Amino acid sequence: MDVKNEERFDPSKFTPIGTWTLLCLIIAGMVIAWLFLYFGVFLPRGGVQ
């Protein structure tokens, strides 16, 4: 099977939208978890005595 150069897959023209979406969702989840720990756990307990 002979494939022309124009028909070959060019990875430099591919934008990994799904990868960026997954990455953003994971980072958003980590930020939400950190905010919950900071405002929901650490601040209500008060300072170190």
N, C-alpha and C. Protein backbone atom coordinates (compact mmCIF):
# COMPACT_ATOMS: atom_id res chain seq x y z
N MET A 1 0.85 -1.17 0.00
CA MET A 1 0.00 0.00 0.00
C MET A 1 0.90 1.24 0.00
N ASP A 2 0.69 2.07 -0.97
CA ASP A 2 1.49 3.29 -1.10
C ASP A 2 0.66 4.48 -0.62
N VAL A 3 1.19 5.19 0.37
CA VAL A 3 0.48 6.35 0.93
C VAL A 3 1.23 7.61 0.51
N LYS A 4 0.49 8.55 -0.01
CA LYS A 4 1.10 9.81 -0.42
C LYS A 4 1.46 10.64 0.80
N ASN A 5 2.39 11.53 0.63
CA ASN A 5 2.81 12.38 1.75
C ASN A 5 1.68 13.27 2.24
N GLU A 6 0.77 13.68 1.36
CA GLU A 6 -0.34 14.54 1.77
C GLU A 6 -1.36 13.79 2.63
N GLU A 7 -1.43 12.47 2.50
CA GLU A 7 -2.43 11.68 3.21
C GLU A 7 -1.92 11.16 4.55
N ARG A 8 -0.64 11.31 4.82
CA ARG A 8 -0.09 10.81 6.08
C ARG A 8 -0.55 11.68 7.25
N PHE A 9 -0.63 11.04 8.42
CA PHE A 9 -1.01 11.75 9.64
C PHE A 9 0.15 12.62 10.10
N ASP A 10 -0.11 13.88 10.32
CA ASP A 10 0.92 14.81 10.77
C ASP A 10 0.64 15.19 12.22
N PRO A 11 1.41 14.66 13.18
CA PRO A 11 1.13 14.96 14.59
C PRO A 11 1.34 16.42 14.97
N SER A 12 2.11 17.16 14.18
CA SER A 12 2.32 18.57 14.51
C SER A 12 1.07 19.41 14.27
N LYS A 13 0.13 18.90 13.51
CA LYS A 13 -1.12 19.63 13.24
C LYS A 13 -2.26 19.16 14.14
N PHE A 14 -1.98 18.27 15.08
CA PHE A 14 -3.00 17.70 15.96
C PHE A 14 -3.01 18.46 17.27
N THR A 15 -4.19 18.90 17.70
CA THR A 15 -4.34 19.58 18.98
C THR A 15 -5.00 18.63 19.97
N PRO A 16 -4.30 18.28 21.06
CA PRO A 16 -4.84 17.31 22.02
C PRO A 16 -5.86 17.95 22.96
N ILE A 17 -7.05 18.23 22.45
CA ILE A 17 -8.08 18.92 23.23
C ILE A 17 -8.52 18.05 24.42
N GLY A 18 -8.68 16.76 24.21
CA GLY A 18 -9.10 15.88 25.30
C GLY A 18 -8.08 15.83 26.42
N THR A 19 -6.81 15.84 26.08
CA THR A 19 -5.76 15.83 27.09
C THR A 19 -5.79 17.10 27.92
N TRP A 20 -5.93 18.24 27.26
CA TRP A 20 -6.00 19.51 27.98
C TRP A 20 -7.25 19.59 28.84
N THR A 21 -8.36 19.05 28.36
CA THR A 21 -9.60 19.06 29.14
C THR A 21 -9.44 18.23 30.40
N LEU A 22 -8.88 17.03 30.26
CA LEU A 22 -8.66 16.17 31.42
C LEU A 22 -7.69 16.81 32.40
N LEU A 23 -6.63 17.42 31.89
CA LEU A 23 -5.66 18.08 32.75
C LEU A 23 -6.30 19.22 33.53
N CYS A 24 -7.12 20.02 32.87
CA CYS A 24 -7.80 21.14 33.55
C CYS A 24 -8.79 20.64 34.60
N LEU A 25 -9.50 19.56 34.31
CA LEU A 25 -10.43 19.00 35.29
C LEU A 25 -9.70 18.49 36.53
N ILE A 26 -8.57 17.84 36.33
CA ILE A 26 -7.81 17.32 37.47
C ILE A 26 -7.25 18.47 38.31
N ILE A 27 -6.73 19.49 37.66
CA ILE A 27 -6.19 20.65 38.39
C ILE A 27 -7.31 21.37 39.14
N ALA A 28 -8.47 21.52 38.51
CA ALA A 28 -9.60 22.17 39.17
C ALA A 28 -10.04 21.36 40.39
N GLY A 29 -10.06 20.05 40.28
CA GLY A 29 -10.42 19.20 41.42
C GLY A 29 -9.43 19.34 42.56
N MET A 30 -8.15 19.43 42.23
CA MET A 30 -7.14 19.59 43.28
C MET A 30 -7.26 20.95 43.96
N VAL A 31 -7.56 21.99 43.20
CA VAL A 31 -7.74 23.32 43.79
C VAL A 31 -8.96 23.34 44.70
N ILE A 32 -10.05 22.73 44.27
CA ILE A 32 -11.26 22.66 45.10
C ILE A 32 -10.99 21.88 46.38
N ALA A 33 -10.26 20.77 46.29
CA ALA A 33 -9.93 19.98 47.48
C ALA A 33 -9.05 20.79 48.43
N TRP A 34 -8.09 21.54 47.89
CA TRP A 34 -7.22 22.35 48.73
C TRP A 34 -8.01 23.45 49.43
N LEU A 35 -8.91 24.11 48.70
CA LEU A 35 -9.73 25.16 49.30
C LEU A 35 -10.63 24.60 50.39
N PHE A 36 -11.19 23.40 50.16
CA PHE A 36 -12.02 22.78 51.18
C PHE A 36 -11.20 22.49 52.44
N LEU A 37 -10.00 21.95 52.26
CA LEU A 37 -9.17 21.66 53.43
C LEU A 37 -8.79 22.94 54.17
N TYR A 38 -8.44 23.98 53.43
CA TYR A 38 -7.99 25.21 54.06
C TYR A 38 -9.13 25.92 54.80
N PHE A 39 -10.24 26.14 54.08
CA PHE A 39 -11.34 26.89 54.69
C PHE A 39 -12.27 26.01 55.52
N GLY A 40 -12.36 24.74 55.23
CA GLY A 40 -13.28 23.87 55.95
C GLY A 40 -12.68 23.13 57.11
N VAL A 41 -11.35 22.97 57.10
CA VAL A 41 -10.71 22.18 58.16
C VAL A 41 -9.74 23.04 58.97
N PHE A 42 -8.79 23.68 58.31
CA PHE A 42 -7.73 24.37 59.04
C PHE A 42 -8.19 25.66 59.70
N LEU A 43 -8.87 26.54 58.99
CA LEU A 43 -9.28 27.82 59.57
C LEU A 43 -10.27 27.67 60.72
N PRO A 44 -11.28 26.79 60.63
CA PRO A 44 -12.21 26.67 61.76
C PRO A 44 -11.55 26.17 63.05
N ARG A 45 -10.44 25.46 62.95
CA ARG A 45 -9.78 24.96 64.15
C ARG A 45 -8.97 26.03 64.86
N GLY A 46 -8.69 27.12 64.18
CA GLY A 46 -7.95 28.21 64.79
C GLY A 46 -6.44 28.02 64.71
N GLY A 47 -5.75 28.97 65.29
CA GLY A 47 -4.29 28.95 65.25
C GLY A 47 -3.69 27.96 66.23
N VAL A 48 -2.39 27.77 66.11
CA VAL A 48 -1.66 26.88 67.01
C VAL A 48 -1.47 27.59 68.33
N GLN A 49 -1.71 26.87 69.42
CA GLN A 49 -1.58 27.48 70.75
C GLN A 49 -0.43 26.89 71.51
